[in-house]
PDB file of all heavy atoms in Angstrom:
ATOM      1  N   GLU A   1     -16.358  -0.593 -24.291  1.00  0.00           N
ATOM      2  CA  GLU A   1     -16.263  -1.944 -23.620  1.00  0.00           C
ATOM      3  C   GLU A   1     -14.903  -2.228 -23.324  1.00  0.00           C
ATOM      4  O   GLU A   1     -13.984  -2.149 -24.196  1.00  0.00           O
ATOM      5  CB  GLU A   1     -16.876  -3.010 -24.560  1.00  0.00           C
ATOM      6  CG  GLU A   1     -18.350  -2.989 -24.595  1.00  0.00           C
ATOM      7  CD  GLU A   1     -19.032  -4.346 -24.648  1.00  0.00           C
ATOM      8  OE1 GLU A   1     -18.330  -5.338 -24.837  1.00  0.00           O
ATOM      9  OE2 GLU A   1     -20.282  -4.398 -24.563  1.00  0.00           O
ATOM     10  N   VAL A   2     -14.656  -2.695 -22.108  1.00  0.00           N
ATOM     11  CA  VAL A   2     -13.244  -2.947 -21.735  1.00  0.00           C
ATOM     12  C   VAL A   2     -13.238  -4.099 -20.718  1.00  0.00           C
ATOM     13  O   VAL A   2     -14.328  -4.293 -20.013  1.00  0.00           O
ATOM     14  CB  VAL A   2     -12.611  -1.691 -21.095  1.00  0.00           C
ATOM     15  CG1 VAL A   2     -13.409  -1.102 -19.921  1.00  0.00           C
ATOM     16  CG2 VAL A   2     -11.156  -1.810 -20.890  1.00  0.00           C
ATOM     17  N   HIS A   3     -12.199  -4.856 -20.587  1.00  0.00           N
ATOM     18  CA  HIS A   3     -12.186  -5.920 -19.558  1.00  0.00           C
ATOM     19  C   HIS A   3     -12.201  -5.241 -18.188  1.00  0.00           C
ATOM     20  O   HIS A   3     -11.633  -4.225 -17.943  1.00  0.00           O
ATOM     21  CB  HIS A   3     -10.900  -6.664 -19.675  1.00  0.00           C
ATOM     22  CG  HIS A   3     -10.894  -7.764 -20.801  1.00  0.00           C
ATOM     23  ND1 HIS A   3     -10.363  -7.668 -21.964  1.00  0.00           N
ATOM     24  CD2 HIS A   3     -11.618  -8.990 -20.729  1.00  0.00           C
ATOM     25  CE1 HIS A   3     -10.644  -8.729 -22.691  1.00  0.00           C
ATOM     26  NE2 HIS A   3     -11.326  -9.560 -21.964  1.00  0.00           N
ATOM     27  N   ALA A   4     -12.877  -6.024 -17.296  1.00  0.00           N
ATOM     28  CA  ALA A   4     -13.050  -5.479 -15.969  1.00  0.00           C
ATOM     29  C   ALA A   4     -11.723  -5.126 -15.273  1.00  0.00           C
ATOM     30  O   ALA A   4     -11.594  -4.090 -14.614  1.00  0.00           O
ATOM     31  CB  ALA A   4     -13.811  -6.516 -15.063  1.00  0.00           C
ATOM     32  N   SER A   5     -10.736  -5.981 -15.488  1.00  0.00           N
ATOM     33  CA  SER A   5      -9.501  -5.691 -14.878  1.00  0.00           C
ATOM     34  C   SER A   5      -8.814  -4.462 -15.409  1.00  0.00           C
ATOM     35  O   SER A   5      -8.178  -3.637 -14.713  1.00  0.00           O
ATOM     36  CB  SER A   5      -8.471  -6.911 -15.021  1.00  0.00           C
ATOM     37  OG  SER A   5      -8.334  -7.299 -16.362  1.00  0.00           O
ATOM     38  N   ASP A   6      -8.950  -4.165 -16.743  1.00  0.00           N
ATOM     39  CA  ASP A   6      -8.449  -3.011 -17.332  1.00  0.00           C
ATOM     40  C   ASP A   6      -9.218  -1.769 -16.817  1.00  0.00           C
ATOM     41  O   ASP A   6      -8.541  -0.739 -16.559  1.00  0.00           O
ATOM     42  CB  ASP A   6      -8.507  -3.095 -18.876  1.00  0.00           C
ATOM     43  CG  ASP A   6      -7.591  -4.138 -19.447  1.00  0.00           C
ATOM     44  OD1 ASP A   6      -6.517  -4.397 -18.814  1.00  0.00           O
ATOM     45  OD2 ASP A   6      -7.864  -4.610 -20.573  1.00  0.00           O
ATOM     46  N   LEU A   7     -10.463  -1.877 -16.659  1.00  0.00           N
ATOM     47  CA  LEU A   7     -11.317  -0.821 -16.176  1.00  0.00           C
ATOM     48  C   LEU A   7     -10.839  -0.401 -14.760  1.00  0.00           C
ATOM     49  O   LEU A   7     -10.581   0.753 -14.461  1.00  0.00           O
ATOM     50  CB  LEU A   7     -12.779  -1.243 -16.138  1.00  0.00           C
ATOM     51  CG  LEU A   7     -13.773  -0.135 -15.478  1.00  0.00           C
ATOM     52  CD1 LEU A   7     -13.686   1.159 -16.190  1.00  0.00           C
ATOM     53  CD2 LEU A   7     -15.160  -0.722 -15.431  1.00  0.00           C
ATOM     54  N   VAL A   8     -10.660  -1.435 -13.971  1.00  0.00           N
ATOM     55  CA  VAL A   8     -10.159  -1.145 -12.543  1.00  0.00           C
ATOM     56  C   VAL A   8      -8.748  -0.507 -12.608  1.00  0.00           C
ATOM     57  O   VAL A   8      -8.507   0.517 -11.919  1.00  0.00           O
ATOM     58  CB  VAL A   8     -10.095  -2.419 -11.713  1.00  0.00           C
ATOM     59  CG1 VAL A   8      -9.449  -2.219 -10.402  1.00  0.00           C
ATOM     60  CG2 VAL A   8     -11.472  -3.007 -11.501  1.00  0.00           C
ATOM     61  N   LEU A   9      -7.836  -0.999 -13.330  1.00  0.00           N
ATOM     62  CA  LEU A   9      -6.506  -0.569 -13.331  1.00  0.00           C
ATOM     63  C   LEU A   9      -6.357   0.844 -13.947  1.00  0.00           C
ATOM     64  O   LEU A   9      -5.593   1.702 -13.483  1.00  0.00           O
ATOM     65  CB  LEU A   9      -5.598  -1.515 -14.152  1.00  0.00           C
ATOM     66  CG  LEU A   9      -5.294  -2.905 -13.443  1.00  0.00           C
ATOM     67  CD1 LEU A   9      -4.673  -3.868 -14.429  1.00  0.00           C
ATOM     68  CD2 LEU A   9      -4.429  -2.603 -12.193  1.00  0.00           C
ATOM     69  N   ARG A  10      -7.011   1.056 -15.089  1.00  0.00           N
ATOM     70  CA  ARG A  10      -6.869   2.327 -15.764  1.00  0.00           C
ATOM     71  C   ARG A  10      -7.731   3.544 -15.318  1.00  0.00           C
ATOM     72  O   ARG A  10      -7.377   4.616 -15.406  1.00  0.00           O
ATOM     73  CB  ARG A  10      -7.114   2.071 -17.241  1.00  0.00           C
ATOM     74  CG  ARG A  10      -5.980   1.216 -17.873  1.00  0.00           C
ATOM     75  CD  ARG A  10      -6.118   0.870 -19.387  1.00  0.00           C
ATOM     76  NE  ARG A  10      -6.985   1.692 -20.080  1.00  0.00           N
ATOM     77  CZ  ARG A  10      -7.849   1.281 -21.167  1.00  0.00           C
ATOM     78  NH1 ARG A  10      -7.645  -0.049 -21.420  1.00  0.00           N
ATOM     79  NH2 ARG A  10      -8.639   2.028 -21.766  1.00  0.00           N
ATOM     80  N   ARG A  11      -8.932   3.173 -14.784  1.00  0.00           N
ATOM     81  CA  ARG A  11      -9.846   4.178 -14.445  1.00  0.00           C
ATOM     82  C   ARG A  11     -10.292   4.233 -13.034  1.00  0.00           C
ATOM     83  O   ARG A  11     -10.292   5.284 -12.360  1.00  0.00           O
ATOM     84  CB  ARG A  11     -11.205   4.024 -15.383  1.00  0.00           C
ATOM     85  CG  ARG A  11     -12.184   5.118 -15.097  1.00  0.00           C
ATOM     86  CD  ARG A  11     -11.852   6.415 -15.649  1.00  0.00           C
ATOM     87  NE  ARG A  11     -12.932   7.388 -15.417  1.00  0.00           N
ATOM     88  CZ  ARG A  11     -12.894   8.553 -14.822  1.00  0.00           C
ATOM     89  NH1 ARG A  11     -11.717   8.944 -14.339  1.00  0.00           N
ATOM     90  NH2 ARG A  11     -14.025   9.258 -14.661  1.00  0.00           N
ATOM     91  N   LEU A  12     -10.709   3.048 -12.485  1.00  0.00           N
ATOM     92  CA  LEU A  12     -11.248   3.059 -11.134  1.00  0.00           C
ATOM     93  C   LEU A  12     -10.236   3.118 -10.071  1.00  0.00           C
ATOM     94  O   LEU A  12     -10.464   3.830  -8.992  1.00  0.00           O
ATOM     95  CB  LEU A  12     -12.160   1.844 -10.963  1.00  0.00           C
ATOM     96  CG  LEU A  12     -13.210   1.654 -12.024  1.00  0.00           C
ATOM     97  CD1 LEU A  12     -14.093   0.420 -11.670  1.00  0.00           C
ATOM     98  CD2 LEU A  12     -14.117   2.871 -12.121  1.00  0.00           C
ATOM     99  N   LEU A  13      -9.113   2.558 -10.151  1.00  0.00           N
ATOM    100  CA  LEU A  13      -8.156   2.591  -9.037  1.00  0.00           C
ATOM    101  C   LEU A  13      -7.560   4.002  -8.895  1.00  0.00           C
ATOM    102  O   LEU A  13      -7.357   4.518  -7.885  1.00  0.00           O
ATOM    103  CB  LEU A  13      -6.967   1.663  -9.343  1.00  0.00           C
ATOM    104  CG  LEU A  13      -6.917   0.363  -8.610  1.00  0.00           C
ATOM    105  CD1 LEU A  13      -5.752  -0.534  -8.954  1.00  0.00           C
ATOM    106  CD2 LEU A  13      -6.981   0.538  -7.013  1.00  0.00           C
ATOM    107  N   PRO A  14      -7.219   4.754 -10.058  1.00  0.00           N
ATOM    108  CA  PRO A  14      -6.852   6.112  -9.762  1.00  0.00           C
ATOM    109  C   PRO A  14      -7.901   7.010  -9.067  1.00  0.00           C
ATOM    110  O   PRO A  14      -7.510   7.801  -8.195  1.00  0.00           O
ATOM    111  CB  PRO A  14      -6.596   6.638 -11.277  1.00  0.00           C
ATOM    112  CG  PRO A  14      -6.237   5.393 -12.084  1.00  0.00           C
ATOM    113  CD  PRO A  14      -7.093   4.299 -11.415  1.00  0.00           C
ATOM    114  N   LEU A  15      -9.150   6.708  -9.383  1.00  0.00           N
ATOM    115  CA  LEU A  15     -10.217   7.485  -8.670  1.00  0.00           C
ATOM    116  C   LEU A  15     -10.254   7.061  -7.214  1.00  0.00           C
ATOM    117  O   LEU A  15     -10.416   7.822  -6.244  1.00  0.00           O
ATOM    118  CB  LEU A  15     -11.549   7.120  -9.323  1.00  0.00           C
ATOM    119  CG  LEU A  15     -11.939   7.787 -10.702  1.00  0.00           C
ATOM    120  CD1 LEU A  15     -13.200   7.142 -11.276  1.00  0.00           C
ATOM    121  CD2 LEU A  15     -11.931   9.275 -10.594  1.00  0.00           C
ATOM    122  N   ALA A  16     -10.058   5.749  -6.890  1.00  0.00           N
ATOM    123  CA  ALA A  16     -10.130   5.313  -5.532  1.00  0.00           C
ATOM    124  C   ALA A  16      -8.947   5.932  -4.801  1.00  0.00           C
ATOM    125  O   ALA A  16      -9.073   6.365  -3.556  1.00  0.00           O
ATOM    126  CB  ALA A  16      -9.992   3.887  -5.489  1.00  0.00           C
ATOM    127  N   TYR A  17      -7.704   6.066  -5.352  1.00  0.00           N
ATOM    128  CA  TYR A  17      -6.614   6.674  -4.672  1.00  0.00           C
ATOM    129  C   TYR A  17      -7.005   8.090  -4.332  1.00  0.00           C
ATOM    130  O   TYR A  17      -6.786   8.552  -3.185  1.00  0.00           O
ATOM    131  CB  TYR A  17      -5.416   6.682  -5.647  1.00  0.00           C
ATOM    132  CG  TYR A  17      -4.594   5.371  -5.464  1.00  0.00           C
ATOM    133  CD1 TYR A  17      -4.740   4.403  -6.392  1.00  0.00           C
ATOM    134  CD2 TYR A  17      -3.540   5.324  -4.464  1.00  0.00           C
ATOM    135  CE1 TYR A  17      -3.912   3.240  -6.334  1.00  0.00           C
ATOM    136  CE2 TYR A  17      -2.715   4.156  -4.486  1.00  0.00           C
ATOM    137  CZ  TYR A  17      -2.918   3.124  -5.408  1.00  0.00           C
ATOM    138  OH  TYR A  17      -2.155   1.975  -5.284  1.00  0.00           O
ATOM    139  N   GLU A  18      -7.487   8.852  -5.220  1.00  0.00           N
ATOM    140  CA  GLU A  18      -7.921  10.250  -5.001  1.00  0.00           C
ATOM    141  C   GLU A  18      -8.938  10.344  -3.957  1.00  0.00           C
ATOM    142  O   GLU A  18      -8.936  11.168  -3.135  1.00  0.00           O
ATOM    143  CB  GLU A  18      -8.223  10.951  -6.348  1.00  0.00           C
ATOM    144  CG  GLU A  18      -8.525  12.419  -6.149  1.00  0.00           C
ATOM    145  CD  GLU A  18      -8.892  13.187  -7.447  1.00  0.00           C
ATOM    146  OE1 GLU A  18      -8.647  12.597  -8.581  1.00  0.00           O
ATOM    147  OE2 GLU A  18      -9.260  14.338  -7.364  1.00  0.00           O
ATOM    148  N   GLY A  19      -9.865   9.456  -3.984  1.00  0.00           N
ATOM    149  CA  GLY A  19     -11.007   9.475  -3.050  1.00  0.00           C
ATOM    150  C   GLY A  19     -10.480   9.241  -1.630  1.00  0.00           C
ATOM    151  O   GLY A  19     -10.951   9.913  -0.689  1.00  0.00           O
ATOM    152  N   LEU A  20      -9.552   8.309  -1.434  1.00  0.00           N
ATOM    153  CA  LEU A  20      -9.110   7.998  -0.187  1.00  0.00           C
ATOM    154  C   LEU A  20      -8.200   9.196   0.324  1.00  0.00           C
ATOM    155  O   LEU A  20      -8.193   9.553   1.490  1.00  0.00           O
ATOM    156  CB  LEU A  20      -8.237   6.722  -0.130  1.00  0.00           C
ATOM    157  CG  LEU A  20      -9.066   5.429  -0.273  1.00  0.00           C
ATOM    158  CD1 LEU A  20      -8.153   4.237  -0.300  1.00  0.00           C
ATOM    159  CD2 LEU A  20     -10.136   5.341   0.765  1.00  0.00           C
ATOM    160  N   ASP A  21      -7.516   9.822  -0.574  1.00  0.00           N
ATOM    161  CA  ASP A  21      -6.746  11.099  -0.188  1.00  0.00           C
ATOM    162  C   ASP A  21      -7.793  12.050   0.281  1.00  0.00           C
ATOM    163  O   ASP A  21      -7.537  12.799   1.283  1.00  0.00           O
ATOM    164  CB  ASP A  21      -6.046  11.625  -1.361  1.00  0.00           C
ATOM    165  CG  ASP A  21      -4.794  10.840  -1.816  1.00  0.00           C
ATOM    166  OD1 ASP A  21      -4.272  10.045  -0.989  1.00  0.00           O
ATOM    167  OD2 ASP A  21      -4.289  11.031  -2.850  1.00  0.00           O
ATOM    168  N   ARG A  22      -8.884  12.270  -0.379  1.00  0.00           N
ATOM    169  CA  ARG A  22      -9.914  13.266   0.069  1.00  0.00           C
ATOM    170  C   ARG A  22     -10.474  12.872   1.461  1.00  0.00           C
ATOM    171  O   ARG A  22     -10.971  13.771   2.206  1.00  0.00           O
ATOM    172  CB  ARG A  22     -11.015  13.387  -0.956  1.00  0.00           C
ATOM    173  CG  ARG A  22     -10.499  14.096  -2.144  1.00  0.00           C
ATOM    174  CD  ARG A  22     -11.589  14.479  -3.132  1.00  0.00           C
ATOM    175  NE  ARG A  22     -11.064  15.001  -4.381  1.00  0.00           N
ATOM    176  CZ  ARG A  22     -11.930  15.480  -5.251  1.00  0.00           C
ATOM    177  NH1 ARG A  22     -13.226  15.426  -5.195  1.00  0.00           N
ATOM    178  NH2 ARG A  22     -11.430  16.026  -6.410  1.00  0.00           N
ATOM    179  N   TRP A  23     -10.550  11.543   1.680  1.00  0.00           N
ATOM    180  CA  TRP A  23     -11.030  11.136   3.026  1.00  0.00           C
ATOM    181  C   TRP A  23      -9.931  11.334   4.073  1.00  0.00           C
ATOM    182  O   TRP A  23     -10.286  11.110   5.282  1.00  0.00           O
ATOM    183  CB  TRP A  23     -11.345   9.669   3.024  1.00  0.00           C
ATOM    184  CG  TRP A  23     -12.742   9.301   2.346  1.00  0.00           C
ATOM    185  CD1 TRP A  23     -12.918   8.596   1.244  1.00  0.00           C
ATOM    186  CD2 TRP A  23     -14.080   9.721   2.687  1.00  0.00           C
ATOM    187  NE1 TRP A  23     -14.257   8.528   0.977  1.00  0.00           N
ATOM    188  CE2 TRP A  23     -15.015   9.303   1.793  1.00  0.00           C
ATOM    189  CE3 TRP A  23     -14.511  10.703   3.702  1.00  0.00           C
ATOM    190  CZ2 TRP A  23     -16.361   9.529   1.829  1.00  0.00           C
ATOM    191  CZ3 TRP A  23     -15.941  10.826   3.799  1.00  0.00           C
ATOM    192  CH2 TRP A  23     -16.783  10.292   2.856  1.00  0.00           C
ATOM    193  N   GLY A  24      -8.768  11.627   3.636  1.00  0.00           N
ATOM    194  CA  GLY A  24      -7.703  11.847   4.623  1.00  0.00           C
ATOM    195  C   GLY A  24      -6.889  10.529   5.115  1.00  0.00           C
ATOM    196  O   GLY A  24      -6.384  10.474   6.202  1.00  0.00           O
ATOM    197  N   VAL A  25      -7.068   9.457   4.284  1.00  0.00           N
ATOM    198  CA  VAL A  25      -6.442   8.123   4.660  1.00  0.00           C
ATOM    199  C   VAL A  25      -4.983   8.309   4.555  1.00  0.00           C
ATOM    200  O   VAL A  25      -4.476   8.930   3.504  1.00  0.00           O
ATOM    201  CB  VAL A  25      -7.017   7.054   3.763  1.00  0.00           C
ATOM    202  CG1 VAL A  25      -6.248   5.728   3.974  1.00  0.00           C
ATOM    203  CG2 VAL A  25      -8.450   6.915   3.938  1.00  0.00           C
ATOM    204  N   ASP A  26      -4.290   7.802   5.524  1.00  0.00           N
ATOM    205  CA  ASP A  26      -2.719   7.810   5.499  1.00  0.00           C
ATOM    206  C   ASP A  26      -2.251   7.096   4.161  1.00  0.00           C
ATOM    207  O   ASP A  26      -2.764   6.076   3.760  1.00  0.00           O
ATOM    208  CB  ASP A  26      -2.235   6.950   6.643  1.00  0.00           C
ATOM    209  CG  ASP A  26      -0.813   6.874   6.660  1.00  0.00           C
ATOM    210  OD1 ASP A  26      -0.043   7.826   6.763  1.00  0.00           O
ATOM    211  OD2 ASP A  26      -0.357   5.625   6.396  1.00  0.00           O
ATOM    212  N   PRO A  27      -1.373   7.841   3.425  1.00  0.00           N
ATOM    213  CA  PRO A  27      -0.902   7.281   2.190  1.00  0.00           C
ATOM    214  C   PRO A  27      -0.311   5.967   2.191  1.00  0.00           C
ATOM    215  O   PRO A  27      -0.492   5.072   1.286  1.00  0.00           O
ATOM    216  CB  PRO A  27       0.093   8.355   1.717  1.00  0.00           C
ATOM    217  CG  PRO A  27      -0.298   9.604   2.367  1.00  0.00           C
ATOM    218  CD  PRO A  27      -0.907   9.205   3.603  1.00  0.00           C
ATOM    219  N   ALA A  28       0.373   5.538   3.273  1.00  0.00           N
ATOM    220  CA  ALA A  28       1.000   4.227   3.371  1.00  0.00           C
ATOM    221  C   ALA A  28      -0.135   3.202   3.441  1.00  0.00           C
ATOM    222  O   ALA A  28       0.024   2.144   2.773  1.00  0.00           O
ATOM    223  CB  ALA A  28       1.826   4.063   4.526  1.00  0.00           C
ATOM    224  N   ARG A  29      -1.140   3.406   4.182  1.00  0.00           N
ATOM    225  CA  ARG A  29      -2.327   2.451   4.354  1.00  0.00           C
ATOM    226  C   ARG A  29      -3.032   2.433   3.020  1.00  0.00           C
ATOM    227  O   ARG A  29      -3.424   1.366   2.474  1.00  0.00           O
ATOM    228  CB  ARG A  29      -3.270   2.890   5.476  1.00  0.00           C
ATOM    229  CG  ARG A  29      -2.685   2.548   6.774  1.00  0.00           C
ATOM    230  CD  ARG A  29      -3.662   2.822   7.856  1.00  0.00           C
ATOM    231  NE  ARG A  29      -3.068   2.495   9.108  1.00  0.00           N
ATOM    232  CZ  ARG A  29      -3.612   2.768  10.308  1.00  0.00           C
ATOM    233  NH1 ARG A  29      -4.794   3.310  10.381  1.00  0.00           N
ATOM    234  NH2 ARG A  29      -2.969   2.415  11.434  1.00  0.00           N
ATOM    235  N   ARG A  30      -3.299   3.550   2.381  1.00  0.00           N
ATOM    236  CA  ARG A  30      -3.912   3.618   1.040  1.00  0.00           C
ATOM    237  C   ARG A  30      -3.199   2.740   0.009  1.00  0.00           C
ATOM    238  O   ARG A  30      -3.802   1.960  -0.646  1.00  0.00           O
ATOM    239  CB  ARG A  30      -4.023   5.103   0.562  1.00  0.00           C
ATOM    240  CG  ARG A  30      -4.543   5.318  -0.771  1.00  0.00           C
ATOM    241  CD  ARG A  30      -4.169   6.610  -1.366  1.00  0.00           C
ATOM    242  NE  ARG A  30      -2.696   6.492  -1.659  1.00  0.00           N
ATOM    243  CZ  ARG A  30      -1.889   7.634  -1.779  1.00  0.00           C
ATOM    244  NH1 ARG A  30      -2.378   8.765  -1.666  1.00  0.00           N
ATOM    245  NH2 ARG A  30      -0.641   7.409  -2.023  1.00  0.00           N
ATOM    246  N   ASP A  31      -1.905   3.031   0.034  1.00  0.00           N
ATOM    247  CA  ASP A  31      -1.126   2.293  -1.014  1.00  0.00           C
ATOM    248  C   ASP A  31      -1.133   0.786  -0.789  1.00  0.00           C
ATOM    249  O   ASP A  31      -1.170  -0.017  -1.708  1.00  0.00           O
ATOM    250  CB  ASP A  31       0.299   2.766  -1.038  1.00  0.00           C
ATOM    251  CG  ASP A  31       0.397   4.145  -1.537  1.00  0.00           C
ATOM    252  OD1 ASP A  31      -0.554   4.794  -2.044  1.00  0.00           O
ATOM    253  OD2 ASP A  31       1.460   4.842  -1.411  1.00  0.00           O
ATOM    254  N   ARG A  32      -1.084   0.397   0.509  1.00  0.00           N
ATOM    255  CA  ARG A  32      -0.967  -1.085   0.798  1.00  0.00           C
ATOM    256  C   ARG A  32      -2.361  -1.681   0.468  1.00  0.00           C
ATOM    257  O   ARG A  32      -2.367  -2.793  -0.272  1.00  0.00           O
ATOM    258  CB  ARG A  32      -0.755  -1.264   2.356  1.00  0.00           C
ATOM    259  CG  ARG A  32      -0.675  -2.735   2.709  1.00  0.00           C
ATOM    260  CD  ARG A  32      -0.331  -2.937   4.154  1.00  0.00           C
ATOM    261  NE  ARG A  32      -1.118  -2.290   5.119  1.00  0.00           N
ATOM    262  CZ  ARG A  32      -2.291  -2.580   5.621  1.00  0.00           C
ATOM    263  NH1 ARG A  32      -2.817  -3.627   5.198  1.00  0.00           N
ATOM    264  NH2 ARG A  32      -3.039  -1.875   6.479  1.00  0.00           N
ATOM    265  N   LEU A  33      -3.469  -1.113   0.854  1.00  0.00           N
ATOM    266  CA  LEU A  33      -4.791  -1.660   0.576  1.00  0.00           C
ATOM    267  C   LEU A  33      -5.123  -1.623  -0.908  1.00  0.00           C
ATOM    268  O   LEU A  33      -5.575  -2.634  -1.493  1.00  0.00           O
ATOM    269  CB  LEU A  33      -5.828  -0.886   1.353  1.00  0.00           C
ATOM    270  CG  LEU A  33      -5.719  -1.173   2.859  1.00  0.00           C
ATOM    271  CD1 LEU A  33      -6.766  -0.160   3.585  1.00  0.00           C
ATOM    272  CD2 LEU A  33      -5.998  -2.558   3.238  1.00  0.00           C
ATOM    273  N   LEU A  34      -4.964  -0.523  -1.563  1.00  0.00           N
ATOM    274  CA  LEU A  34      -5.244  -0.450  -3.039  1.00  0.00           C
ATOM    275  C   LEU A  34      -4.271  -1.306  -3.850  1.00  0.00           C
ATOM    276  O   LEU A  34      -4.494  -1.728  -4.953  1.00  0.00           O
ATOM    277  CB  LEU A  34      -5.290   1.013  -3.465  1.00  0.00           C
ATOM    278  CG  LEU A  34      -6.473   1.776  -2.923  1.00  0.00           C
ATOM    279  CD1 LEU A  34      -6.484   3.274  -3.513  1.00  0.00           C
ATOM    280  CD2 LEU A  34      -7.882   1.113  -3.146  1.00  0.00           C
ATOM    281  N   GLY A  35      -3.016  -1.404  -3.301  1.00  0.00           N
ATOM    282  CA  GLY A  35      -2.038  -2.375  -3.963  1.00  0.00           C
ATOM    283  C   GLY A  35      -2.562  -3.793  -4.032  1.00  0.00           C
ATOM    284  O   GLY A  35      -2.349  -4.454  -5.005  1.00  0.00           O
TER     285      GLY A  35
END
């Protein structure tokens, strides 16, 4: 059990970054949106 914000920051955001990389999303756009 973890707070939703901690789950997003520690586990889900890193996955989303990698997933967008696999989709070929421009890193600058990826960083702005996930930021």
